[in-house]
Amino acid sequence: MLAGPGSGKTHSFLERIRELTANRGVSFEEICYITFIREIANAFRADYDDRFGVQAAGGGTPRISTLHSFACSLIRNQGFRHGYDGDLYFLNVTEKNDDGATIFLEDLLSEVNFGGIWTVTQLRNLLKEIKTAWRDDVDPRGLPDPAARITELTLQFSRVYRLADWDYTVPLAHRLLREGGELPSWVARLKHFMVDEYQDFNAAEQSFLQTLTGRADSV
């Protein structure tokens, strides 16, 4: 559905929730609203509370979140399967003004003695290319060296540091979904999805959504 501001998108989503819960026997906890940025998720949550706050008391609530928040929660639950366990941190490892990212890059650089990468700036620029591949739903380990080798080294360091780059969260969460295994109960119970601002999702996010909603009763 293409809909501009003020054309009734939010009203339609809320009506859909009302129809599912009031007339089709669907519990609120089976419904998931996903969007692109936190501000939109918060605005929808406020609209939902205005509409259903009293009616939904004791009956649970839909899951309302950004896709990245959803992915991060899934990784916290299931990431142990790939060495991401315990306390986890999510950041943009190429962010210039982040002390944690700078320390990570400096430590990573100490292990990079190939491919003509000698400085943090060179490493940061190469990692930006790797992050672009993740966003484009491409595995950068298939890229020519040094990108492929540095991707693997970056992932090894990430597991040791218990962190995931912001652009790797969706590919990792998608991989966890594709591998099967027992899903967390909060994921397994979701049967009805509403995706808002779909045009803003990149290729990796769209692919993740396709897998996530593949078993749904409605999208």
N, C-alpha and C. Protein backbone atom coordinates (compact mmCIF):
# COMPACT_ATOMS: atom_id res chain seq x y z
N MET A 1 0.84 -1.19 0.00
CA MET A 1 0.00 0.00 0.00
C MET A 1 0.87 1.23 0.00
N LEU A 2 0.65 2.15 -0.91
CA LEU A 2 1.34 3.42 -0.93
C LEU A 2 0.44 4.45 -0.27
N ALA A 3 0.96 5.15 0.73
CA ALA A 3 0.14 6.11 1.45
C ALA A 3 1.01 7.24 1.98
N GLY A 4 0.65 8.45 1.66
CA GLY A 4 1.38 9.60 2.15
C GLY A 4 0.93 10.02 3.53
N PRO A 5 1.58 11.04 4.11
CA PRO A 5 1.20 11.53 5.44
C PRO A 5 -0.26 11.97 5.47
N GLY A 6 -0.96 11.60 6.52
CA GLY A 6 -2.34 12.03 6.70
C GLY A 6 -3.37 11.25 5.93
N SER A 7 -2.96 10.17 5.28
CA SER A 7 -3.90 9.42 4.43
C SER A 7 -4.55 8.24 5.16
N GLY A 8 -4.26 8.09 6.45
CA GLY A 8 -4.96 7.07 7.23
C GLY A 8 -4.21 5.79 7.46
N LYS A 9 -2.90 5.80 7.28
CA LYS A 9 -2.10 4.59 7.47
C LYS A 9 -2.22 4.05 8.90
N THR A 10 -1.94 4.93 9.87
CA THR A 10 -1.98 4.50 11.26
C THR A 10 -3.38 4.05 11.65
N HIS A 11 -4.40 4.78 11.20
CA HIS A 11 -5.78 4.39 11.47
C HIS A 11 -6.06 2.99 10.92
N SER A 12 -5.54 2.70 9.73
CA SER A 12 -5.77 1.38 9.12
C SER A 12 -5.09 0.28 9.93
N PHE A 13 -3.88 0.54 10.41
CA PHE A 13 -3.19 -0.45 11.25
C PHE A 13 -3.97 -0.71 12.53
N LEU A 14 -4.44 0.35 13.17
CA LEU A 14 -5.19 0.19 14.42
C LEU A 14 -6.51 -0.54 14.18
N GLU A 15 -7.15 -0.24 13.05
CA GLU A 15 -8.38 -0.96 12.71
C GLU A 15 -8.10 -2.44 12.47
N ARG A 16 -6.95 -2.71 11.87
CA ARG A 16 -6.57 -4.10 11.64
C ARG A 16 -6.39 -4.83 12.98
N ILE A 17 -5.75 -4.19 13.94
CA ILE A 17 -5.58 -4.79 15.26
C ILE A 17 -6.94 -5.04 15.91
N ARG A 18 -7.84 -4.05 15.80
CA ARG A 18 -9.17 -4.20 16.38
C ARG A 18 -9.91 -5.38 15.74
N GLU A 19 -9.84 -5.49 14.43
CA GLU A 19 -10.51 -6.58 13.72
C GLU A 19 -9.96 -7.94 14.15
N LEU A 20 -8.64 -8.05 14.20
CA LEU A 20 -8.03 -9.33 14.57
C LEU A 20 -8.39 -9.75 15.98
N THR A 21 -8.33 -8.81 16.92
CA THR A 21 -8.52 -9.16 18.32
C THR A 21 -9.99 -9.25 18.71
N ALA A 22 -10.82 -8.38 18.15
CA ALA A 22 -12.24 -8.34 18.55
C ALA A 22 -13.09 -9.36 17.80
N ASN A 23 -12.75 -9.63 16.53
CA ASN A 23 -13.64 -10.44 15.70
C ASN A 23 -13.05 -11.77 15.23
N ARG A 24 -11.72 -11.93 15.34
CA ARG A 24 -11.11 -13.15 14.80
C ARG A 24 -10.39 -14.00 15.84
N GLY A 25 -10.55 -13.63 17.11
CA GLY A 25 -9.99 -14.45 18.18
C GLY A 25 -8.48 -14.43 18.29
N VAL A 26 -7.82 -13.42 17.72
CA VAL A 26 -6.37 -13.31 17.79
C VAL A 26 -5.97 -12.57 19.06
N SER A 27 -4.98 -13.08 19.78
CA SER A 27 -4.51 -12.39 20.97
C SER A 27 -3.58 -11.25 20.56
N PHE A 28 -3.48 -10.24 21.39
CA PHE A 28 -2.61 -9.11 21.10
C PHE A 28 -1.16 -9.56 20.95
N GLU A 29 -0.75 -10.58 21.69
CA GLU A 29 0.65 -11.03 21.67
C GLU A 29 1.01 -11.77 20.39
N GLU A 30 0.03 -12.05 19.55
CA GLU A 30 0.31 -12.68 18.25
C GLU A 30 0.56 -11.66 17.16
N ILE A 31 0.47 -10.39 17.50
CA ILE A 31 0.56 -9.31 16.51
C ILE A 31 1.89 -8.57 16.68
N CYS A 32 2.51 -8.25 15.56
CA CYS A 32 3.79 -7.53 15.59
C CYS A 32 3.76 -6.38 14.59
N TYR A 33 4.06 -5.20 15.10
CA TYR A 33 4.20 -4.01 14.25
C TYR A 33 5.68 -3.68 14.17
N ILE A 34 6.21 -3.57 12.95
CA ILE A 34 7.63 -3.30 12.73
C ILE A 34 7.78 -2.09 11.82
N THR A 35 8.69 -1.22 12.18
CA THR A 35 8.96 -0.06 11.35
C THR A 35 10.45 0.21 11.29
N PHE A 36 10.81 1.35 10.71
CA PHE A 36 12.20 1.61 10.37
C PHE A 36 12.97 2.33 11.48
N ILE A 37 12.40 3.38 12.07
CA ILE A 37 13.13 4.14 13.08
C ILE A 37 12.33 4.21 14.38
N ARG A 38 13.06 4.47 15.47
CA ARG A 38 12.48 4.45 16.81
C ARG A 38 11.37 5.48 16.97
N GLU A 39 11.53 6.65 16.37
CA GLU A 39 10.53 7.70 16.54
C GLU A 39 9.16 7.27 16.02
N ILE A 40 9.16 6.56 14.89
CA ILE A 40 7.89 6.09 14.32
C ILE A 40 7.30 4.99 15.20
N ALA A 41 8.15 4.11 15.72
CA ALA A 41 7.66 3.06 16.62
C ALA A 41 7.05 3.67 17.88
N ASN A 42 7.73 4.68 18.43
CA ASN A 42 7.21 5.32 19.65
C ASN A 42 5.88 6.03 19.38
N ALA A 43 5.77 6.67 18.20
CA ALA A 43 4.53 7.36 17.86
C ALA A 43 3.39 6.36 17.70
N PHE A 44 3.67 5.22 17.07
CA PHE A 44 2.62 4.21 16.92
C PHE A 44 2.23 3.63 18.27
N ARG A 45 3.22 3.43 19.15
CA ARG A 45 2.91 2.91 20.49
C ARG A 45 1.99 3.87 21.24
N ALA A 46 2.24 5.16 21.11
CA ALA A 46 1.38 6.16 21.76
C ALA A 46 -0.04 6.10 21.18
N ASP A 47 -0.15 5.98 19.85
CA ASP A 47 -1.48 5.87 19.23
C ASP A 47 -2.19 4.59 19.67
N TYR A 48 -1.42 3.51 19.76
CA TYR A 48 -2.00 2.24 20.21
C TYR A 48 -2.52 2.37 21.64
N ASP A 49 -1.72 2.98 22.53
CA ASP A 49 -2.14 3.13 23.92
C ASP A 49 -3.41 3.97 24.03
N ASP A 50 -3.49 5.01 23.20
CA ASP A 50 -4.70 5.85 23.22
C ASP A 50 -5.93 5.04 22.81
N ARG A 51 -5.72 4.13 21.85
CA ARG A 51 -6.85 3.38 21.29
C ARG A 51 -7.20 2.14 22.11
N PHE A 52 -6.18 1.43 22.60
CA PHE A 52 -6.42 0.12 23.20
C PHE A 52 -5.99 0.00 24.65
N GLY A 53 -5.44 1.03 25.23
CA GLY A 53 -4.86 0.91 26.57
C GLY A 53 -5.78 0.26 27.58
N VAL A 54 -7.03 0.67 27.61
CA VAL A 54 -7.97 0.10 28.57
C VAL A 54 -8.48 -1.26 28.09
N GLN A 55 -8.81 -1.34 26.81
CA GLN A 55 -9.38 -2.59 26.28
C GLN A 55 -8.40 -3.75 26.38
N ALA A 56 -7.10 -3.45 26.20
CA ALA A 56 -6.11 -4.53 26.16
C ALA A 56 -5.60 -4.91 27.53
N ALA A 57 -6.09 -4.24 28.59
CA ALA A 57 -5.59 -4.53 29.93
C ALA A 57 -5.76 -6.01 30.24
N GLY A 58 -4.66 -6.67 30.62
CA GLY A 58 -4.70 -8.08 30.96
C GLY A 58 -4.64 -8.99 29.76
N GLY A 59 -4.70 -8.45 28.57
CA GLY A 59 -4.71 -9.29 27.37
C GLY A 59 -3.43 -9.24 26.58
N GLY A 60 -2.37 -8.69 27.19
CA GLY A 60 -1.10 -8.57 26.49
C GLY A 60 -1.11 -7.39 25.53
N THR A 61 -0.01 -7.20 24.85
CA THR A 61 0.12 -6.11 23.88
C THR A 61 0.84 -6.63 22.65
N PRO A 62 0.63 -5.99 21.50
CA PRO A 62 1.41 -6.35 20.32
C PRO A 62 2.89 -6.04 20.55
N ARG A 63 3.73 -6.66 19.78
CA ARG A 63 5.15 -6.29 19.80
C ARG A 63 5.30 -5.12 18.83
N ILE A 64 5.75 -3.97 19.34
CA ILE A 64 5.93 -2.76 18.55
C ILE A 64 7.39 -2.38 18.62
N SER A 65 8.10 -2.42 17.50
CA SER A 65 9.53 -2.15 17.55
C SER A 65 10.07 -1.80 16.16
N THR A 66 11.31 -1.35 16.15
CA THR A 66 12.03 -1.23 14.90
C THR A 66 12.55 -2.61 14.51
N LEU A 67 12.90 -2.76 13.25
CA LEU A 67 13.43 -4.05 12.82
C LEU A 67 14.77 -4.35 13.48
N HIS A 68 15.60 -3.32 13.67
CA HIS A 68 16.90 -3.54 14.31
C HIS A 68 16.73 -3.94 15.77
N SER A 69 15.77 -3.34 16.44
CA SER A 69 15.51 -3.74 17.82
C SER A 69 15.06 -5.20 17.88
N PHE A 70 14.23 -5.59 16.94
CA PHE A 70 13.78 -6.98 16.85
C PHE A 70 14.99 -7.89 16.64
N ALA A 71 15.87 -7.52 15.70
CA ALA A 71 17.05 -8.33 15.40
C ALA A 71 17.97 -8.44 16.62
N CYS A 72 18.17 -7.32 17.32
CA CYS A 72 19.03 -7.32 18.51
C CYS A 72 18.48 -8.24 19.58
N SER A 73 17.17 -8.23 19.79
CA SER A 73 16.55 -9.11 20.78
C SER A 73 16.74 -10.57 20.40
N LEU A 74 16.59 -10.88 19.12
CA LEU A 74 16.77 -12.25 18.66
C LEU A 74 18.21 -12.70 18.87
N ILE A 75 19.17 -11.82 18.60
CA ILE A 75 20.58 -12.17 18.80
C ILE A 75 20.88 -12.39 20.28
N ARG A 76 20.30 -11.55 21.14
CA ARG A 76 20.52 -11.74 22.58
C ARG A 76 19.97 -13.08 23.05
N ASN A 77 18.88 -13.54 22.42
CA ASN A 77 18.30 -14.83 22.79
C ASN A 77 19.02 -16.02 22.18
N GLN A 78 19.43 -15.88 20.91
CA GLN A 78 19.93 -17.03 20.16
C GLN A 78 21.38 -16.90 19.70
N GLY A 79 22.01 -15.76 19.95
CA GLY A 79 23.35 -15.52 19.44
C GLY A 79 24.40 -16.47 19.96
N PHE A 80 24.13 -17.15 21.08
CA PHE A 80 25.09 -18.09 21.63
C PHE A 80 25.46 -19.17 20.62
N ARG A 81 24.56 -19.41 19.65
CA ARG A 81 24.83 -20.44 18.64
C ARG A 81 26.02 -20.07 17.75
N HIS A 82 26.37 -18.77 17.74
CA HIS A 82 27.51 -18.32 16.94
C HIS A 82 28.53 -17.56 17.79
N GLY A 83 28.57 -17.88 19.07
CA GLY A 83 29.57 -17.28 19.94
C GLY A 83 29.23 -15.90 20.46
N TYR A 84 28.00 -15.46 20.27
CA TYR A 84 27.56 -14.17 20.80
C TYR A 84 26.68 -14.44 22.02
N ASP A 85 27.33 -14.54 23.19
CA ASP A 85 26.57 -14.81 24.40
C ASP A 85 27.01 -13.85 25.50
N GLY A 86 26.31 -13.91 26.61
CA GLY A 86 26.61 -12.98 27.69
C GLY A 86 26.13 -11.58 27.34
N ASP A 87 26.74 -10.59 27.97
CA ASP A 87 26.41 -9.20 27.67
C ASP A 87 26.85 -8.87 26.25
N LEU A 88 25.97 -8.27 25.46
CA LEU A 88 26.27 -7.92 24.09
C LEU A 88 26.13 -6.43 23.87
N TYR A 89 26.94 -5.91 22.97
CA TYR A 89 26.93 -4.48 22.66
C TYR A 89 26.78 -4.30 21.15
N PHE A 90 26.03 -3.31 20.78
CA PHE A 90 25.77 -3.03 19.37
C PHE A 90 26.23 -1.62 19.07
N LEU A 91 27.08 -1.47 18.06
CA LEU A 91 27.58 -0.14 17.69
C LEU A 91 28.02 -0.14 16.24
N ASN A 92 28.25 1.05 15.72
CA ASN A 92 28.79 1.24 14.39
C ASN A 92 30.30 1.30 14.51
N VAL A 93 31.00 0.26 14.09
CA VAL A 93 32.44 0.19 14.33
C VAL A 93 33.23 1.18 13.48
N THR A 94 32.59 1.84 12.52
CA THR A 94 33.30 2.84 11.72
C THR A 94 32.99 4.27 12.16
N GLU A 95 32.26 4.43 13.27
CA GLU A 95 31.92 5.76 13.77
C GLU A 95 33.17 6.44 14.31
N LYS A 96 33.49 7.60 13.75
CA LYS A 96 34.73 8.30 14.12
C LYS A 96 34.70 8.84 15.54
N ASN A 97 33.54 9.24 16.02
CA ASN A 97 33.44 9.93 17.31
C ASN A 97 33.03 9.02 18.45
N ASP A 98 33.17 7.72 18.26
CA ASP A 98 32.81 6.76 19.29
C ASP A 98 34.08 6.12 19.84
N ASP A 99 34.32 6.29 21.14
CA ASP A 99 35.55 5.75 21.74
C ASP A 99 35.62 4.24 21.62
N GLY A 100 34.48 3.57 21.82
CA GLY A 100 34.47 2.11 21.71
C GLY A 100 34.83 1.65 20.31
N ALA A 101 34.30 2.32 19.29
CA ALA A 101 34.62 1.96 17.91
C ALA A 101 36.09 2.19 17.61
N THR A 102 36.64 3.30 18.11
CA THR A 102 38.05 3.61 17.87
C THR A 102 38.96 2.57 18.49
N ILE A 103 38.66 2.19 19.72
CA ILE A 103 39.47 1.16 20.40
C ILE A 103 39.38 -0.16 19.65
N PHE A 104 38.17 -0.50 19.22
CA PHE A 104 38.00 -1.75 18.47
C PHE A 104 38.84 -1.73 17.19
N LEU A 105 38.81 -0.63 16.45
CA LEU A 105 39.57 -0.54 15.20
C LEU A 105 41.06 -0.58 15.45
N GLU A 106 41.52 0.09 16.49
CA GLU A 106 42.96 0.08 16.80
C GLU A 106 43.42 -1.32 17.16
N ASP A 107 42.64 -2.03 17.94
CA ASP A 107 43.00 -3.40 18.30
C ASP A 107 42.94 -4.32 17.08
N LEU A 108 41.93 -4.13 16.25
CA LEU A 108 41.81 -4.94 15.04
C LEU A 108 42.98 -4.68 14.10
N LEU A 109 43.39 -3.42 13.98
CA LEU A 109 44.49 -3.07 13.09
C LEU A 109 45.78 -3.77 13.49
N SER A 110 45.96 -3.99 14.78
CA SER A 110 47.19 -4.64 15.25
C SER A 110 47.33 -6.06 14.72
N GLU A 111 46.21 -6.65 14.27
CA GLU A 111 46.24 -8.01 13.74
C GLU A 111 46.18 -8.04 12.22
N VAL A 112 46.04 -6.88 11.59
CA VAL A 112 45.96 -6.81 10.13
C VAL A 112 47.34 -6.49 9.58
N ASN A 113 47.99 -7.49 9.07
CA ASN A 113 49.33 -7.28 8.50
C ASN A 113 49.36 -7.75 7.04
N PHE A 114 48.27 -7.46 6.34
CA PHE A 114 48.16 -7.89 4.95
C PHE A 114 47.29 -6.89 4.20
N GLY A 115 47.34 -6.96 2.88
CA GLY A 115 46.44 -6.18 2.04
C GLY A 115 46.73 -4.70 1.98
N GLY A 116 47.88 -4.28 2.47
CA GLY A 116 48.22 -2.86 2.40
C GLY A 116 47.41 -1.98 3.34
N ILE A 117 46.85 -2.55 4.39
CA ILE A 117 46.11 -1.79 5.38
C ILE A 117 47.04 -1.47 6.54
N TRP A 118 47.42 -0.18 6.64
CA TRP A 118 48.40 0.21 7.66
C TRP A 118 47.85 1.19 8.69
N THR A 119 46.74 1.82 8.40
CA THR A 119 46.23 2.86 9.30
C THR A 119 44.77 2.59 9.65
N VAL A 120 44.33 3.21 10.73
CA VAL A 120 42.94 3.09 11.15
C VAL A 120 42.01 3.64 10.07
N THR A 121 42.43 4.71 9.43
CA THR A 121 41.60 5.31 8.37
C THR A 121 41.40 4.33 7.22
N GLN A 122 42.48 3.67 6.80
CA GLN A 122 42.35 2.67 5.73
C GLN A 122 41.43 1.53 6.16
N LEU A 123 41.59 1.08 7.39
CA LEU A 123 40.76 -0.01 7.89
C LEU A 123 39.30 0.42 7.98
N ARG A 124 39.07 1.63 8.45
CA ARG A 124 37.69 2.14 8.55
C ARG A 124 37.03 2.20 7.17
N ASN A 125 37.77 2.66 6.17
CA ASN A 125 37.22 2.77 4.82
C ASN A 125 36.89 1.39 4.24
N LEU A 126 37.75 0.41 4.51
CA LEU A 126 37.47 -0.94 4.02
C LEU A 126 36.26 -1.53 4.74
N LEU A 127 36.14 -1.27 6.02
CA LEU A 127 35.00 -1.78 6.76
C LEU A 127 33.69 -1.13 6.29
N LYS A 128 33.76 0.09 5.81
CA LYS A 128 32.57 0.72 5.24
C LYS A 128 32.10 -0.05 4.01
N GLU A 129 33.04 -0.56 3.20
CA GLU A 129 32.68 -1.38 2.05
C GLU A 129 32.04 -2.69 2.51
N ILE A 130 32.58 -3.26 3.58
CA ILE A 130 32.04 -4.51 4.12
C ILE A 130 30.63 -4.28 4.65
N LYS A 131 30.43 -3.17 5.33
CA LYS A 131 29.11 -2.84 5.85
C LYS A 131 28.10 -2.62 4.73
N THR A 132 28.56 -2.03 3.62
CA THR A 132 27.68 -1.86 2.46
C THR A 132 27.23 -3.21 1.92
N ALA A 133 28.16 -4.17 1.89
CA ALA A 133 27.80 -5.52 1.44
C ALA A 133 26.75 -6.13 2.36
N TRP A 134 26.91 -5.97 3.66
CA TRP A 134 25.90 -6.49 4.59
C TRP A 134 24.53 -5.89 4.32
N ARG A 135 24.51 -4.56 4.09
CA ARG A 135 23.23 -3.89 3.83
C ARG A 135 22.61 -4.36 2.52
N ASP A 136 23.46 -4.72 1.55
CA ASP A 136 22.97 -5.16 0.24
C ASP A 136 22.65 -6.65 0.21
N ASP A 137 22.68 -7.30 1.39
CA ASP A 137 22.38 -8.73 1.50
C ASP A 137 23.40 -9.57 0.75
N VAL A 138 24.66 -9.14 0.82
CA VAL A 138 25.78 -9.86 0.21
C VAL A 138 26.75 -10.25 1.31
N ASP A 139 27.22 -11.48 1.30
CA ASP A 139 28.21 -11.91 2.29
C ASP A 139 29.58 -11.38 1.88
N PRO A 140 30.16 -10.44 2.64
CA PRO A 140 31.45 -9.86 2.24
C PRO A 140 32.60 -10.85 2.29
N ARG A 141 32.39 -12.02 2.89
CA ARG A 141 33.44 -13.03 2.88
C ARG A 141 33.64 -13.61 1.49
N GLY A 142 32.72 -13.27 0.57
CA GLY A 142 32.88 -13.68 -0.82
C GLY A 142 33.53 -12.61 -1.67
N LEU A 143 33.86 -11.46 -1.08
CA LEU A 143 34.54 -10.38 -1.81
C LEU A 143 36.01 -10.70 -1.98
N PRO A 144 36.68 -10.03 -2.92
CA PRO A 144 38.13 -10.24 -3.08
C PRO A 144 38.87 -9.80 -1.81
N ASP A 145 40.02 -10.42 -1.57
CA ASP A 145 40.87 -9.98 -0.47
C ASP A 145 41.41 -8.58 -0.77
N PRO A 146 41.66 -7.76 0.25
CA PRO A 146 41.66 -8.13 1.67
C PRO A 146 40.30 -8.08 2.35
N ALA A 147 39.23 -7.68 1.64
CA ALA A 147 37.93 -7.53 2.29
C ALA A 147 37.46 -8.84 2.91
N ALA A 148 37.62 -9.95 2.20
CA ALA A 148 37.13 -11.23 2.71
C ALA A 148 37.85 -11.61 4.00
N ARG A 149 39.18 -11.49 4.00
CA ARG A 149 39.96 -11.87 5.19
C ARG A 149 39.68 -10.94 6.35
N ILE A 150 39.54 -9.66 6.06
CA ILE A 150 39.29 -8.70 7.14
C ILE A 150 37.86 -8.88 7.68
N THR A 151 36.93 -9.27 6.83
CA THR A 151 35.58 -9.58 7.33
C THR A 151 35.63 -10.69 8.35
N GLU A 152 36.32 -11.78 8.04
CA GLU A 152 36.40 -12.91 8.96
C GLU A 152 37.11 -12.50 10.25
N LEU A 153 38.17 -11.73 10.13
CA LEU A 153 38.91 -11.27 11.31
C LEU A 153 38.04 -10.34 12.16
N THR A 154 37.26 -9.49 11.50
CA THR A 154 36.36 -8.58 12.21
C THR A 154 35.32 -9.35 13.00
N LEU A 155 34.77 -10.40 12.40
CA LEU A 155 33.77 -11.20 13.09
C LEU A 155 34.36 -11.96 14.26
N GLN A 156 35.60 -12.42 14.10
CA GLN A 156 36.28 -13.09 15.21
C GLN A 156 36.48 -12.13 16.38
N PHE A 157 36.97 -10.94 16.08
CA PHE A 157 37.16 -9.92 17.11
C PHE A 157 35.83 -9.54 17.75
N SER A 158 34.79 -9.44 16.94
CA SER A 158 33.48 -9.06 17.46
C SER A 158 32.99 -10.05 18.51
N ARG A 159 33.18 -11.33 18.24
CA ARG A 159 32.74 -12.33 19.21
C ARG A 159 33.53 -12.23 20.51
N VAL A 160 34.84 -11.98 20.40
CA VAL A 160 35.66 -11.83 21.59
C VAL A 160 35.25 -10.60 22.40
N TYR A 161 34.96 -9.51 21.69
CA TYR A 161 34.57 -8.25 22.34
C TYR A 161 33.08 -8.22 22.70
N ARG A 162 32.35 -9.26 22.33
CA ARG A 162 30.91 -9.34 22.60
C ARG A 162 30.15 -8.16 22.02
N LEU A 163 30.47 -7.83 20.78
CA LEU A 163 29.78 -6.73 20.11
C LEU A 163 29.42 -7.14 18.70
N ALA A 164 28.41 -6.48 18.18
CA ALA A 164 28.00 -6.67 16.78
C ALA A 164 27.86 -5.31 16.14
N ASP A 165 28.41 -5.16 14.95
CA ASP A 165 28.24 -3.92 14.22
C ASP A 165 26.77 -3.75 13.86
N TRP A 166 26.33 -2.50 13.87
CA TRP A 166 24.93 -2.19 13.62
C TRP A 166 24.45 -2.79 12.29
N ASP A 167 25.31 -2.79 11.26
CA ASP A 167 24.90 -3.31 9.95
C ASP A 167 24.99 -4.83 9.88
N TYR A 168 25.61 -5.47 10.87
CA TYR A 168 25.69 -6.93 10.88
C TYR A 168 24.55 -7.55 11.67
N THR A 169 23.82 -6.76 12.45
CA THR A 169 22.79 -7.34 13.30
C THR A 169 21.70 -8.04 12.49
N VAL A 170 21.25 -7.40 11.42
CA VAL A 170 20.18 -8.01 10.63
C VAL A 170 20.67 -9.27 9.90
N PRO A 171 21.84 -9.24 9.22
CA PRO A 171 22.31 -10.49 8.61
C PRO A 171 22.49 -11.62 9.63
N LEU A 172 22.99 -11.29 10.83
CA LEU A 172 23.18 -12.33 11.84
C LEU A 172 21.84 -12.86 12.33
N ALA A 173 20.90 -11.97 12.61
CA ALA A 173 19.58 -12.42 13.05
C ALA A 173 18.90 -13.26 11.96
N HIS A 174 19.07 -12.84 10.71
CA HIS A 174 18.49 -13.59 9.59
C HIS A 174 19.10 -14.99 9.52
N ARG A 175 20.39 -15.07 9.73
CA ARG A 175 21.05 -16.38 9.71
C ARG A 175 20.50 -17.28 10.82
N LEU A 176 20.28 -16.71 12.00
CA LEU A 176 19.74 -17.49 13.10
C LEU A 176 18.35 -18.02 12.76
N LEU A 177 17.55 -17.20 12.09
CA LEU A 177 16.21 -17.65 11.67
C LEU A 177 16.29 -18.77 10.65
N ARG A 178 17.17 -18.60 9.67
CA ARG A 178 17.26 -19.58 8.58
C ARG A 178 17.76 -20.93 9.08
N GLU A 179 18.58 -20.92 10.10
CA GLU A 179 19.16 -22.18 10.59
C GLU A 179 18.15 -23.04 11.32
N GLY A 180 17.01 -22.47 11.63
CA GLY A 180 16.00 -23.24 12.34
C GLY A 180 16.33 -23.35 13.81
N GLY A 181 15.95 -24.45 14.40
CA GLY A 181 16.11 -24.58 15.83
C GLY A 181 14.90 -23.98 16.54
N GLU A 182 14.84 -24.18 17.83
CA GLU A 182 13.71 -23.69 18.61
C GLU A 182 13.76 -22.18 18.74
N LEU A 183 12.70 -21.51 18.29
CA LEU A 183 12.64 -20.07 18.38
C LEU A 183 12.23 -19.64 19.78
N PRO A 184 12.66 -18.46 20.22
CA PRO A 184 12.15 -17.93 21.48
C PRO A 184 10.63 -17.85 21.42
N SER A 185 9.98 -18.03 22.55
CA SER A 185 8.51 -18.07 22.57
C SER A 185 7.90 -16.78 22.04
N TRP A 186 8.57 -15.65 22.30
CA TRP A 186 8.00 -14.37 21.86
C TRP A 186 8.03 -14.22 20.34
N VAL A 187 8.94 -14.95 19.67
CA VAL A 187 8.96 -14.95 18.20
C VAL A 187 7.97 -15.99 17.67
N ALA A 188 7.98 -17.16 18.26
CA ALA A 188 7.15 -18.26 17.77
C ALA A 188 5.67 -17.92 17.81
N ARG A 189 5.24 -17.10 18.77
CA ARG A 189 3.81 -16.81 18.89
C ARG A 189 3.32 -15.76 17.89
N LEU A 190 4.24 -15.06 17.21
CA LEU A 190 3.83 -14.00 16.30
C LEU A 190 3.24 -14.59 15.01
N LYS A 191 2.00 -14.21 14.70
CA LYS A 191 1.30 -14.75 13.53
C LYS A 191 0.81 -13.67 12.57
N HIS A 192 0.77 -12.42 13.03
CA HIS A 192 0.23 -11.33 12.20
C HIS A 192 1.20 -10.15 12.26
N PHE A 193 1.71 -9.76 11.09
CA PHE A 193 2.72 -8.70 11.02
C PHE A 193 2.18 -7.49 10.28
N MET A 194 2.56 -6.32 10.76
CA MET A 194 2.30 -5.06 10.06
C MET A 194 3.62 -4.34 9.91
N VAL A 195 4.01 -4.07 8.68
CA VAL A 195 5.30 -3.44 8.38
C VAL A 195 5.06 -2.03 7.87
N ASP A 196 5.59 -1.05 8.58
CA ASP A 196 5.38 0.35 8.25
C ASP A 196 6.66 0.95 7.68
N GLU A 197 6.53 1.84 6.71
CA GLU A 197 7.69 2.50 6.06
C GLU A 197 8.61 1.48 5.38
N TYR A 198 7.99 0.52 4.71
CA TYR A 198 8.77 -0.56 4.08
C TYR A 198 9.79 -0.03 3.08
N GLN A 199 9.47 1.10 2.44
CA GLN A 199 10.36 1.63 1.40
C GLN A 199 11.73 2.03 1.95
N ASP A 200 11.83 2.22 3.27
CA ASP A 200 13.10 2.64 3.86
C ASP A 200 14.02 1.48 4.22
N PHE A 201 13.53 0.25 4.12
CA PHE A 201 14.36 -0.90 4.47
C PHE A 201 15.29 -1.26 3.31
N ASN A 202 16.54 -1.59 3.67
CA ASN A 202 17.51 -1.97 2.64
C ASN A 202 17.30 -3.44 2.25
N ALA A 203 18.14 -3.93 1.34
CA ALA A 203 17.94 -5.28 0.79
C ALA A 203 18.06 -6.35 1.86
N ALA A 204 19.02 -6.21 2.77
CA ALA A 204 19.19 -7.22 3.82
C ALA A 204 17.99 -7.23 4.76
N GLU A 205 17.47 -6.05 5.07
CA GLU A 205 16.32 -5.94 5.96
C GLU A 205 15.07 -6.51 5.31
N GLN A 206 14.89 -6.26 4.02
CA GLN A 206 13.74 -6.82 3.31
C GLN A 206 13.81 -8.35 3.25
N SER A 207 15.02 -8.87 3.06
CA SER A 207 15.19 -10.32 3.02
C SER A 207 14.89 -10.94 4.38
N PHE A 208 15.34 -10.28 5.44
CA PHE A 208 15.05 -10.73 6.80
C PHE A 208 13.55 -10.73 7.06
N LEU A 209 12.88 -9.66 6.64
CA LEU A 209 11.43 -9.58 6.82
C LEU A 209 10.72 -10.70 6.07
N GLN A 210 11.20 -11.01 4.88
CA GLN A 210 10.56 -12.07 4.09
C GLN A 210 10.63 -13.41 4.81
N THR A 211 11.79 -13.71 5.41
CA THR A 211 11.92 -14.95 6.15
C THR A 211 11.10 -14.92 7.43
N LEU A 212 11.16 -13.79 8.14
CA LEU A 212 10.45 -13.65 9.41
C LEU A 212 8.94 -13.84 9.24
N THR A 213 8.40 -13.29 8.14
CA THR A 213 6.95 -13.34 7.93
C THR A 213 6.52 -14.54 7.09
N GLY A 214 7.46 -15.37 6.71
CA GLY A 214 7.14 -16.49 5.82
C GLY A 214 6.16 -17.49 6.40
N ARG A 215 6.12 -17.61 7.72
CA ARG A 215 5.21 -18.55 8.36
C ARG A 215 3.99 -17.86 8.95
N ALA A 216 3.82 -16.57 8.67
CA ALA A 216 2.74 -15.79 9.29
C ALA A 216 1.38 -16.12 8.68
N ASP A 217 0.33 -15.83 9.44
CA ASP A 217 -1.03 -15.97 8.93
C ASP A 217 -1.43 -14.75 8.11
N SER A 218 -0.85 -13.59 8.41
CA SER A 218 -1.12 -12.41 7.61
C SER A 218 0.03 -11.44 7.73
N VAL A 219 0.26 -10.67 6.66
CA VAL A 219 1.31 -9.64 6.63
C VAL A 219 0.72 -8.41 5.96
